[in-house]
Amino acid sequence: MDYSTYKDPLGSRYCSDEMKNLFSDQIKFQTWRKCWIALAEAQRELGLDNLISKEAIDEMKKNKDNINFKDANKKEKEIKHDVMAHVWAYSKQCPKAAKIIHLGATSQFVGCNTDLILQKKAIQIIKKRLINVIFHLSKFAQKHKSLVTLGYTHMQPAQPTTIGKRATIYLADLLTDLESLEFTESLLKARGAKGTVGTQASFLELFKGNKSKVKQLDLLIAKKLGFNDAYAVTTQTYSRKIDAKIAEALAGIGSSACKFASDLRIAAHLKIMEEPYGKNQTGSSAMPYKRNPMHSERICALSRTLMNIPTEFHSMHSNQWFERTLDDSALRRIEIPRSFMLTDSILLLYENIASGIIVYPAQVKSHLNAELPFMAIEEILMKCVEKGKSRQEMHELLKKHALDAGNKIKSDGAQNDFFKRIAEDDKIPFTQKDADSILKNPGKFSGMAETQTEYFLQKKINPILKKHENLIEKSKTEIEV
């Protein structure tokens, strides 16, 4: 390994090899050549066989994966144009095809079509990651659907819910992300063969004014490149609005992951839940006892970066003057791979956590019991009325005892003795036996949480998992760093 130059942490530490390889130079330039082959084949099939021989196409196919990088790089330094440098390098390997490679095309024929092909494949990788997070998180929700836990609003103790019900909220967000991703996927078409400003003038010239063949060429190339259709209209490029929509879908995944990871960090602070912890993992260089939620924190860090990318793409799209300007190029070279690599890294972390979340039921119960006496006030009030007491009188007495108990907890660090206080108050028909009954059955205060969880998993999650069962990898994802 070369330690003398900067390496992007996304590639060296966080992202999968699958995603890194997809955006490699090898795949990029192989795809350029795939585009040139599709163009030549389609042109020959539509009647230009007098210009394009079968031998020329065979020669192009033979050298499709054999990228002569040294020749291309040397030429690019000379002419300052990457596409023409690779046309020259490919022609050097394919002398029979040299005169027809890139025939009638502009640079964005290979540039745009390749970007669309790679993004289509990248979306498939992200979809696979997303489905696997949903799979593991749904198993977690099912397992803990009835484990009652203290709810929080404004980060203050509120009505109880269940651990499983809370997980359905994260799952619902991921379903929204999946829908957004699939909608974005449906927007992807080939740029096709549109010429220098999108008018197909060069191809109309090649086909001697035959508009029907020009249209056929566009669609035939799209199919050869793996698309069902080509964009009906483009400028020199396909609309950069498409890039912005893809960025939005990926940023949405980052937002959902960050919400989950933030909650898990708080849960770790409360000691009710933790992310998986390696056998020999070190939490701190100075405090060996620590079990830091490092992967959740990393999700938050990566997500913040990802969530800001759509603004860059919208700015880029809005500044494409007339038929195109080149101020989109540098941003797209950087941010298209980066946005997918960020999303890939985030979902790998999310899947690792979701497949091994540690729950501490005793600590969950401890937090719940500390606040449950206050949560039971409404029920106690109703029971007192049923026994003939005045609601207003009971309300005042219960309020006084609750405030006194609360102040004692805050000022002295005492245990919650609210039940003890009201059991000893002769004016309130409440006994220690009543208190024990409430503490033994906290589920009655969590409403429909368990039922909602079961319904959501059965009706919303399971059909999605069944639809995409071919994408599910049931083994736990390991994170190297």
Protein backbone atom coordinates (compact mmCIF):
# COMPACT_ATOMS: atom_id res chain seq x y z
CA MET A 1 0.00 0.00 0.00
CA ASP A 2 1.22 3.49 -0.88
CA TYR A 3 1.21 5.65 2.29
CA SER A 4 2.73 8.71 0.63
CA THR A 5 -0.43 10.19 -0.95
CA TYR A 6 -3.87 11.21 0.30
CA LYS A 7 -6.59 8.57 0.12
CA ASP A 8 -10.28 9.34 0.38
CA PRO A 9 -11.57 7.70 3.61
CA LEU A 10 -14.78 6.72 1.82
CA GLY A 11 -12.79 4.37 -0.36
CA SER A 12 -10.11 3.31 2.11
CA ARG A 13 -12.25 2.88 5.25
CA TYR A 14 -16.00 2.94 4.79
CA CYS A 15 -17.37 1.96 1.40
CA SER A 16 -17.88 -1.55 -0.01
CA ASP A 17 -15.62 -2.92 -2.73
CA GLU A 18 -18.76 -3.47 -4.81
CA MET A 19 -19.55 0.23 -4.90
CA LYS A 20 -15.92 1.34 -5.23
CA ASN A 21 -15.37 -0.96 -8.18
CA LEU A 22 -18.49 0.31 -9.93
CA PHE A 23 -17.10 3.85 -10.00
CA SER A 24 -13.57 2.79 -10.92
CA ASP A 25 -11.81 4.07 -14.03
CA GLN A 26 -11.76 0.52 -15.38
CA ILE A 27 -15.55 0.22 -15.32
CA LYS A 28 -16.05 3.80 -16.54
CA PHE A 29 -13.93 3.37 -19.66
CA GLN A 30 -15.21 -0.13 -20.32
CA THR A 31 -18.67 1.41 -20.35
CA TRP A 32 -17.54 4.15 -22.73
CA ARG A 33 -16.42 1.41 -25.09
CA LYS A 34 -19.71 -0.42 -24.58
CA CYS A 35 -21.45 2.78 -25.71
CA TRP A 36 -19.27 3.09 -28.80
CA ILE A 37 -19.96 -0.55 -29.69
CA ALA A 38 -23.72 -0.03 -29.24
CA LEU A 39 -23.55 3.03 -31.49
CA ALA A 40 -21.65 1.21 -34.23
CA GLU A 41 -23.89 -1.87 -34.06
CA ALA A 42 -27.07 0.19 -34.21
CA GLN A 43 -25.79 2.28 -37.11
CA ARG A 44 -24.83 -0.85 -39.06
CA GLU A 45 -28.15 -2.56 -38.32
CA LEU A 46 -30.02 0.50 -39.56
CA GLY A 47 -28.27 0.54 -42.93
CA LEU A 48 -24.78 1.99 -42.53
CA ASP A 49 -23.13 -1.35 -43.27
CA ASN A 50 -21.32 0.30 -46.16
CA LEU A 51 -19.43 2.39 -43.57
CA ILE A 52 -19.28 0.01 -40.63
CA SER A 53 -18.07 -3.53 -41.20
CA LYS A 54 -18.68 -6.54 -39.00
CA GLU A 55 -14.91 -6.93 -38.69
CA ALA A 56 -14.65 -3.44 -37.27
CA ILE A 57 -17.29 -4.17 -34.62
CA ASP A 58 -15.67 -7.52 -33.77
CA GLU A 59 -12.37 -5.72 -33.30
CA MET A 60 -14.05 -3.19 -30.97
CA LYS A 61 -15.64 -5.97 -28.92
CA LYS A 62 -12.34 -7.85 -28.66
CA ASN A 63 -10.70 -4.82 -27.06
CA LYS A 64 -13.65 -3.60 -24.99
CA ASP A 65 -12.09 -4.48 -21.63
CA ASN A 66 -8.47 -4.04 -22.63
CA ILE A 67 -8.10 -0.36 -21.74
CA ASN A 68 -4.71 1.03 -22.80
CA PHE A 69 -4.56 3.61 -20.03
CA LYS A 70 -0.98 4.73 -20.71
CA ASP A 71 -1.81 5.66 -24.28
CA ALA A 72 -5.01 7.44 -23.25
CA ASN A 73 -3.38 9.35 -20.41
CA LYS A 74 -0.47 10.46 -22.57
CA LYS A 75 -2.84 11.69 -25.27
CA GLU A 76 -5.07 13.52 -22.79
CA LYS A 77 -2.09 15.46 -21.43
CA GLU A 78 -1.37 16.52 -24.99
CA ILE A 79 -4.88 17.46 -26.19
CA LYS A 80 -6.63 18.24 -22.85
CA HIS A 81 -9.73 16.22 -23.78
CA ASP A 82 -10.48 12.92 -22.07
CA VAL A 83 -13.06 11.56 -24.53
CA MET A 84 -10.99 12.23 -27.64
CA ALA A 85 -7.93 10.81 -25.88
CA HIS A 86 -9.80 7.56 -25.32
CA VAL A 87 -11.18 7.57 -28.87
CA TRP A 88 -7.58 7.82 -30.06
CA ALA A 89 -6.39 5.07 -27.69
CA TYR A 90 -9.26 2.74 -28.67
CA SER A 91 -8.60 3.44 -32.37
CA LYS A 92 -4.96 2.50 -31.87
CA GLN A 93 -6.10 -0.95 -30.72
CA CYS A 94 -8.79 -1.21 -33.41
CA PRO A 95 -7.34 -0.06 -36.75
CA LYS A 96 -10.26 -1.52 -38.72
CA ALA A 97 -12.70 0.50 -36.64
CA ALA A 98 -10.60 3.65 -36.25
CA LYS A 99 -12.54 5.69 -38.80
CA ILE A 100 -16.01 4.91 -37.38
CA ILE A 101 -15.52 4.95 -33.58
CA HIS A 102 -17.65 7.78 -32.16
CA LEU A 103 -19.25 8.39 -35.59
CA GLY A 104 -21.76 11.25 -35.39
CA ALA A 105 -21.49 11.47 -31.62
CA THR A 106 -20.47 14.17 -29.17
CA SER A 107 -18.49 13.60 -25.96
CA GLN A 108 -21.65 13.43 -23.89
CA PHE A 109 -22.79 10.41 -25.87
CA VAL A 110 -20.37 8.34 -23.81
CA GLY A 111 -20.33 10.69 -20.81
CA CYS A 112 -24.06 10.90 -20.16
CA ASN A 113 -24.97 7.36 -21.16
CA THR A 114 -22.20 5.98 -18.96
CA ASP A 115 -23.25 8.08 -15.98
CA LEU A 116 -26.83 6.86 -16.37
CA ILE A 117 -25.72 3.22 -16.66
CA LEU A 118 -23.50 3.46 -13.58
CA GLN A 119 -26.11 5.28 -11.51
CA LYS A 120 -28.71 2.69 -12.47
CA LYS A 121 -26.39 -0.07 -11.24
CA ALA A 122 -25.50 1.92 -8.12
CA ILE A 123 -29.18 2.32 -7.26
CA GLN A 124 -29.50 -1.46 -7.41
CA ILE A 125 -26.69 -1.81 -4.88
CA ILE A 126 -28.32 0.78 -2.61
CA LYS A 127 -31.69 -0.94 -2.92
CA LYS A 128 -30.10 -4.23 -1.86
CA ARG A 129 -28.53 -2.55 1.17
CA LEU A 130 -31.83 -0.86 2.06
CA ILE A 131 -33.81 -4.10 1.85
CA ASN A 132 -31.31 -5.83 4.13
CA VAL A 133 -31.55 -3.08 6.74
CA ILE A 134 -35.34 -3.40 6.61
CA PHE A 135 -35.05 -7.19 6.97
CA HIS A 136 -32.86 -7.07 10.08
CA LEU A 137 -34.72 -4.19 11.69
CA SER A 138 -38.05 -5.96 11.15
CA LYS A 139 -36.69 -9.01 12.98
CA PHE A 140 -35.69 -6.74 15.84
CA ALA A 141 -39.15 -5.13 15.94
CA GLN A 142 -40.83 -8.52 15.97
CA LYS A 143 -38.62 -9.76 18.80
CA HIS A 144 -39.23 -6.73 21.02
CA LYS A 145 -42.79 -5.85 20.02
CA SER A 146 -44.06 -6.33 23.59
CA LEU A 147 -41.09 -5.01 25.58
CA VAL A 148 -42.58 -1.95 27.24
CA THR A 149 -40.27 1.04 27.49
CA LEU A 150 -40.60 4.61 28.58
CA GLY A 151 -41.58 6.96 25.78
CA TYR A 152 -40.14 10.44 25.50
CA THR A 153 -41.48 13.70 24.12
CA HIS A 154 -39.32 16.82 24.31
CA MET A 155 -36.74 14.33 25.69
CA GLN A 156 -38.86 14.19 28.84
CA PRO A 157 -40.55 11.00 30.14
CA ALA A 158 -43.91 10.41 28.46
CA GLN A 159 -46.42 7.58 28.00
CA PRO A 160 -44.86 4.12 27.61
CA THR A 161 -44.46 2.51 24.20
CA THR A 162 -42.57 -0.66 23.23
CA ILE A 163 -39.08 -1.16 21.88
CA GLY A 164 -40.57 -2.90 18.84
CA LYS A 165 -43.07 -0.10 18.16
CA ARG A 166 -40.27 2.44 18.22
CA ALA A 167 -38.42 0.37 15.62
CA THR A 168 -41.45 0.50 13.30
CA ILE A 169 -40.98 4.27 13.09
CA TYR A 170 -37.49 3.74 11.69
CA LEU A 171 -38.89 1.10 9.33
CA ALA A 172 -41.62 3.44 8.11
CA ASP A 173 -38.97 5.99 7.20
CA LEU A 174 -37.03 3.36 5.28
CA LEU A 175 -40.14 2.35 3.35
CA THR A 176 -40.53 5.98 2.31
CA ASP A 177 -36.90 5.95 1.19
CA LEU A 178 -37.43 2.74 -0.78
CA GLU A 179 -40.43 4.26 -2.56
CA SER A 180 -38.41 7.37 -3.35
CA LEU A 181 -35.48 5.30 -4.62
CA GLU A 182 -37.72 3.20 -6.85
CA PHE A 183 -39.43 6.32 -8.21
CA THR A 184 -36.02 7.80 -8.97
CA GLU A 185 -35.00 4.54 -10.62
CA SER A 186 -38.06 4.84 -12.88
CA LEU A 187 -36.81 8.25 -14.07
CA LEU A 188 -33.62 6.77 -15.52
CA LYS A 189 -33.54 6.39 -19.29
CA ALA A 190 -30.72 6.43 -21.79
CA ARG A 191 -29.53 9.73 -23.19
CA GLY A 192 -29.33 7.83 -26.44
CA ALA A 193 -27.83 9.42 -29.57
CA LYS A 194 -28.81 13.08 -29.54
CA GLY A 195 -25.85 14.86 -31.12
CA THR A 196 -24.09 18.03 -30.07
CA VAL A 197 -27.04 20.10 -28.81
CA GLY A 198 -29.75 17.45 -28.68
CA THR A 199 -31.13 17.98 -32.21
CA GLN A 200 -29.64 14.77 -33.71
CA ALA A 201 -28.46 16.81 -36.71
CA SER A 202 -25.34 14.70 -37.27
CA PHE A 203 -27.35 11.47 -37.31
CA LEU A 204 -29.93 12.96 -39.63
CA GLU A 205 -27.05 13.72 -41.98
CA LEU A 206 -25.68 10.17 -41.69
CA PHE A 207 -29.06 8.68 -42.54
CA LYS A 208 -29.62 11.06 -45.46
CA GLY A 209 -32.56 12.85 -43.87
CA ASN A 210 -34.39 9.68 -42.77
CA LYS A 211 -36.03 10.83 -39.52
CA SER A 212 -37.52 7.43 -38.81
CA LYS A 213 -34.08 5.82 -38.73
CA VAL A 214 -32.74 8.55 -36.47
CA LYS A 215 -35.53 7.81 -34.00
CA GLN A 216 -34.88 4.08 -34.31
CA LEU A 217 -31.18 4.67 -33.67
CA ASP A 218 -31.97 6.46 -30.41
CA LEU A 219 -34.19 3.65 -29.09
CA LEU A 220 -31.99 0.84 -30.38
CA ILE A 221 -28.96 2.24 -28.59
CA ALA A 222 -31.02 2.65 -25.41
CA LYS A 223 -31.98 -1.03 -25.48
CA LYS A 224 -28.42 -2.15 -26.20
CA LEU A 225 -27.31 -0.18 -23.12
CA GLY A 226 -29.92 -1.82 -20.89
CA PHE A 227 -32.69 0.79 -20.91
CA ASN A 228 -36.28 0.49 -22.07
CA ASP A 229 -36.35 3.99 -23.45
CA ALA A 230 -34.33 7.13 -24.16
CA TYR A 231 -35.16 10.64 -23.01
CA ALA A 232 -37.45 12.26 -25.58
CA VAL A 233 -35.57 15.55 -25.43
CA THR A 234 -32.11 16.53 -24.21
CA THR A 235 -29.62 19.29 -24.82
CA GLN A 236 -26.03 18.18 -25.21
CA THR A 237 -26.66 16.42 -21.90
CA TYR A 238 -29.63 14.82 -20.23
CA SER A 239 -31.25 17.23 -17.78
CA ARG A 240 -29.20 17.62 -14.61
CA LYS A 241 -32.53 17.69 -12.79
CA ILE A 242 -32.25 13.88 -12.88
CA ASP A 243 -28.98 14.03 -10.93
CA ALA A 244 -30.66 16.29 -8.37
CA LYS A 245 -33.56 13.84 -7.92
CA ILE A 246 -31.14 10.96 -7.38
CA ALA A 247 -29.25 13.03 -4.82
CA GLU A 248 -32.52 13.79 -3.01
CA ALA A 249 -33.41 10.10 -2.77
CA LEU A 250 -29.98 9.24 -1.37
CA ALA A 251 -30.08 12.16 1.07
CA GLY A 252 -33.43 10.88 2.33
CA ILE A 253 -31.77 7.60 3.26
CA GLY A 254 -29.11 9.57 5.12
CA SER A 255 -31.79 11.46 7.03
CA SER A 256 -33.54 8.25 8.09
CA ALA A 257 -30.30 6.59 9.12
CA CYS A 258 -29.22 9.64 11.12
CA LYS A 259 -32.53 9.69 13.03
CA PHE A 260 -32.09 6.01 13.94
CA ALA A 261 -28.44 6.43 14.89
CA SER A 262 -29.16 9.52 16.99
CA ASP A 263 -31.83 7.66 18.95
CA LEU A 264 -29.49 4.72 19.49
CA ARG A 265 -26.83 7.07 20.83
CA ILE A 266 -29.33 8.39 23.36
CA ALA A 267 -30.41 4.84 24.19
CA ALA A 268 -26.76 3.93 24.80
CA HIS A 269 -26.49 6.90 27.15
CA LEU A 270 -29.55 5.62 29.03
CA LYS A 271 -27.98 2.12 29.01
CA ILE A 272 -31.15 0.55 27.61
CA MET A 273 -29.68 -0.42 24.22
CA GLU A 274 -26.30 -0.63 22.49
CA GLU A 275 -24.94 -1.25 19.04
CA PRO A 276 -22.94 -4.48 18.54
CA TYR A 277 -19.60 -4.35 20.29
CA GLY A 278 -16.56 -6.33 19.11
CA LYS A 279 -14.92 -8.80 21.48
CA ASN A 280 -11.62 -6.92 21.46
CA GLN A 281 -12.99 -3.47 20.65
CA THR A 282 -11.49 -0.51 22.50
CA GLY A 283 -13.88 2.26 23.50
CA SER A 284 -11.35 4.85 24.62
CA SER A 285 -7.60 5.25 24.82
CA ALA A 286 -7.88 6.69 28.34
CA MET A 287 -11.13 5.17 29.67
CA PRO A 288 -11.06 1.41 29.05
CA TYR A 289 -14.55 0.88 30.51
CA LYS A 290 -16.27 2.86 27.76
CA ARG A 291 -18.51 1.34 25.08
CA ASN A 292 -18.92 4.23 22.70
CA PRO A 293 -21.61 4.06 19.98
CA MET A 294 -18.95 4.70 17.35
CA HIS A 295 -20.80 3.23 14.38
CA SER A 296 -23.93 5.23 15.17
CA GLU A 297 -21.81 8.34 15.47
CA ARG A 298 -20.22 7.58 12.12
CA ILE A 299 -23.66 7.20 10.53
CA CYS A 300 -24.53 10.67 11.80
CA ALA A 301 -21.29 12.15 10.49
CA LEU A 302 -21.60 10.59 7.03
CA SER A 303 -25.30 11.43 6.85
CA ARG A 304 -24.72 15.10 7.52
CA THR A 305 -22.45 15.22 4.49
CA LEU A 306 -24.86 13.25 2.33
CA MET A 307 -27.88 15.38 3.28
CA ASN A 308 -26.15 18.52 2.01
CA ILE A 309 -25.36 17.20 -1.47
CA PRO A 310 -28.77 17.82 -3.13
CA THR A 311 -28.28 21.57 -2.76
CA GLU A 312 -25.13 21.31 -4.88
CA PHE A 313 -26.94 19.39 -7.61
CA HIS A 314 -29.88 21.81 -7.71
CA SER A 315 -27.43 24.70 -7.98
CA MET A 316 -25.62 22.90 -10.79
CA HIS A 317 -28.85 22.19 -12.68
CA SER A 318 -30.08 25.77 -12.40
CA ASN A 319 -26.82 27.10 -13.85
CA GLN A 320 -26.73 25.03 -17.03
CA TRP A 321 -27.05 27.86 -19.56
CA PHE A 322 -28.99 27.09 -22.74
CA GLU A 323 -27.77 23.80 -24.28
CA ARG A 324 -25.03 23.23 -21.66
CA THR A 325 -22.03 24.64 -19.84
CA LEU A 326 -19.08 22.71 -18.46
CA ASP A 327 -19.37 23.94 -14.88
CA ASP A 328 -21.28 20.74 -14.07
CA SER A 329 -18.36 18.46 -14.89
CA ALA A 330 -16.11 18.75 -11.84
CA LEU A 331 -19.03 18.57 -9.40
CA ARG A 332 -20.50 15.49 -11.08
CA ARG A 333 -17.12 13.71 -11.21
CA ILE A 334 -16.80 14.22 -7.46
CA GLU A 335 -20.34 14.08 -6.12
CA ILE A 336 -22.05 11.35 -8.12
CA PRO A 337 -19.65 8.62 -6.92
CA ARG A 338 -19.37 10.29 -3.52
CA SER A 339 -23.12 10.40 -2.88
CA PHE A 340 -23.49 6.71 -3.68
CA MET A 341 -20.41 5.76 -1.69
CA LEU A 342 -21.68 7.73 1.30
CA THR A 343 -25.06 6.02 1.10
CA ASP A 344 -23.41 2.64 0.72
CA SER A 345 -21.20 3.27 3.76
CA ILE A 346 -24.15 4.46 5.85
CA LEU A 347 -26.32 1.46 5.00
CA LEU A 348 -23.49 -1.00 5.68
CA LEU A 349 -23.21 0.51 9.17
CA TYR A 350 -26.98 0.57 9.63
CA GLU A 351 -27.28 -3.08 8.62
CA ASN A 352 -24.48 -4.10 10.97
CA ILE A 353 -26.17 -2.36 13.87
CA ALA A 354 -29.71 -3.53 13.03
CA SER A 355 -28.59 -7.15 12.85
CA GLY A 356 -27.10 -7.10 16.33
CA ILE A 357 -28.70 -4.42 18.54
CA ILE A 358 -28.22 -5.26 22.21
CA VAL A 359 -31.18 -4.57 24.51
CA TYR A 360 -31.00 -4.51 28.32
CA PRO A 361 -34.53 -5.36 29.56
CA ALA A 362 -33.66 -4.85 33.23
CA GLN A 363 -32.44 -1.32 32.52
CA VAL A 364 -35.52 -0.69 30.35
CA LYS A 365 -37.68 -1.78 33.27
CA SER A 366 -35.71 0.35 35.72
CA HIS A 367 -36.28 3.53 33.68
CA LEU A 368 -39.93 2.61 33.23
CA ASN A 369 -40.58 1.89 36.89
CA ALA A 370 -38.94 5.14 37.90
CA GLU A 371 -41.62 7.08 36.00
CA LEU A 372 -44.52 4.61 35.88
CA PRO A 373 -46.13 5.87 39.11
CA PHE A 374 -46.66 9.25 37.46
CA MET A 375 -47.92 7.60 34.27
CA ALA A 376 -50.59 5.77 36.31
CA ILE A 377 -52.14 8.92 37.81
CA GLU A 378 -55.01 9.04 35.30
CA GLU A 379 -55.94 5.41 35.99
CA ILE A 380 -55.67 5.92 39.77
CA LEU A 381 -57.90 8.96 39.48
CA MET A 382 -60.57 6.97 37.62
CA LYS A 383 -60.42 4.16 40.21
CA CYS A 384 -60.89 6.66 43.02
CA VAL A 385 -64.00 8.10 41.33
CA GLU A 386 -65.38 4.58 40.89
CA LYS A 387 -65.00 4.17 44.66
CA GLY A 388 -67.13 7.27 45.27
CA LYS A 389 -64.49 9.94 45.66
CA SER A 390 -64.63 13.43 44.13
CA ARG A 391 -62.47 13.76 41.05
CA GLN A 392 -61.47 17.34 41.92
CA GLU A 393 -60.52 16.44 45.48
CA MET A 394 -58.53 13.38 44.39
CA HIS A 395 -56.84 15.38 41.64
CA GLU A 396 -55.55 17.94 44.12
CA LEU A 397 -54.28 15.28 46.52
CA LEU A 398 -52.59 13.28 43.79
CA LYS A 399 -51.03 16.42 42.30
CA LYS A 400 -49.55 17.41 45.68
CA HIS A 401 -48.04 13.96 46.26
CA ALA A 402 -46.70 13.81 42.68
CA LEU A 403 -45.01 17.19 42.96
CA ASP A 404 -43.53 16.34 46.36
CA ALA A 405 -42.22 13.01 45.06
CA GLY A 406 -40.80 14.70 41.96
CA ASN A 407 -39.02 17.36 44.00
CA LYS A 408 -37.56 14.69 46.28
CA ILE A 409 -36.16 12.85 43.26
CA LYS A 410 -34.57 15.99 41.84
CA SER A 411 -33.23 17.53 45.04
CA ASP A 412 -32.14 14.41 46.95
CA GLY A 413 -31.65 11.83 44.20
CA ALA A 414 -34.25 9.70 45.94
CA GLN A 415 -36.30 6.86 44.45
CA ASN A 416 -39.80 7.60 43.24
CA ASP A 417 -41.99 7.09 46.32
CA PHE A 418 -45.25 8.42 44.85
CA PHE A 419 -47.07 5.09 45.28
CA LYS A 420 -45.89 4.86 48.89
CA ARG A 421 -47.09 8.38 49.61
CA ILE A 422 -50.61 7.89 48.26
CA ALA A 423 -50.92 4.39 49.80
CA GLU A 424 -50.26 5.98 53.20
CA ASP A 425 -52.78 8.80 52.63
CA ASP A 426 -56.03 7.74 54.27
CA LYS A 427 -58.02 10.13 52.06
CA ILE A 428 -57.01 8.22 48.89
CA PRO A 429 -58.45 4.69 48.30
CA PHE A 430 -55.18 3.23 47.03
CA THR A 431 -53.09 0.39 48.54
CA GLN A 432 -49.65 -1.06 48.08
CA LYS A 433 -51.35 -4.05 46.48
CA ASP A 434 -52.78 -1.70 43.86
CA ALA A 435 -49.28 -0.32 43.28
CA ASP A 436 -47.78 -3.80 42.84
CA SER A 437 -50.49 -4.65 40.31
CA ILE A 438 -49.62 -1.61 38.22
CA LEU A 439 -45.88 -2.32 38.29
CA LYS A 440 -46.43 -5.94 37.25
CA ASN A 441 -48.48 -4.98 34.23
CA PRO A 442 -46.85 -1.97 32.54
CA GLY A 443 -48.16 -3.11 29.16
CA LYS A 444 -51.57 -1.71 29.92
CA PHE A 445 -50.07 1.78 29.64
CA SER A 446 -48.55 1.19 26.18
CA GLY A 447 -51.90 1.21 24.42
CA MET A 448 -51.94 -0.43 20.97
CA ALA A 449 -48.15 -0.42 20.60
CA GLU A 450 -47.77 -4.20 20.31
CA THR A 451 -50.82 -4.54 18.05
CA GLN A 452 -49.64 -1.71 15.82
CA THR A 453 -46.23 -3.35 15.51
CA GLU A 454 -47.70 -6.71 14.52
CA TYR A 455 -50.01 -5.10 11.95
CA PHE A 456 -47.27 -2.94 10.46
CA LEU A 457 -44.84 -5.83 10.10
CA GLN A 458 -47.47 -8.12 8.61
CA LYS A 459 -49.19 -5.70 6.25
CA LYS A 460 -46.44 -3.26 5.29
CA ILE A 461 -43.04 -4.85 5.79
CA ASN A 462 -43.49 -8.53 4.97
CA PRO A 463 -44.92 -7.89 1.46
CA ILE A 464 -41.90 -5.70 0.65
CA LEU A 465 -39.47 -8.33 1.92
CA LYS A 466 -41.25 -11.03 -0.06
CA LYS A 467 -41.14 -8.90 -3.20
CA HIS A 468 -37.39 -8.40 -2.81
CA GLU A 469 -36.45 -11.69 -1.15
CA ASN A 470 -33.77 -12.28 -3.80
CA LEU A 471 -31.87 -9.26 -2.39
CA ILE A 472 -31.85 -10.43 1.23
CA GLU A 473 -28.52 -11.57 2.65
CA LYS A 474 -29.37 -12.99 6.05
CA SER A 475 -25.83 -13.09 7.42
CA LYS A 476 -24.63 -10.22 9.57
CA THR A 477 -22.63 -7.49 7.84
CA GLU A 478 -19.18 -7.06 9.33
CA ILE A 479 -17.58 -3.63 9.54
CA GLU A 480 -13.79 -3.62 9.25
CA VAL A 481 -13.13 -0.25 10.86
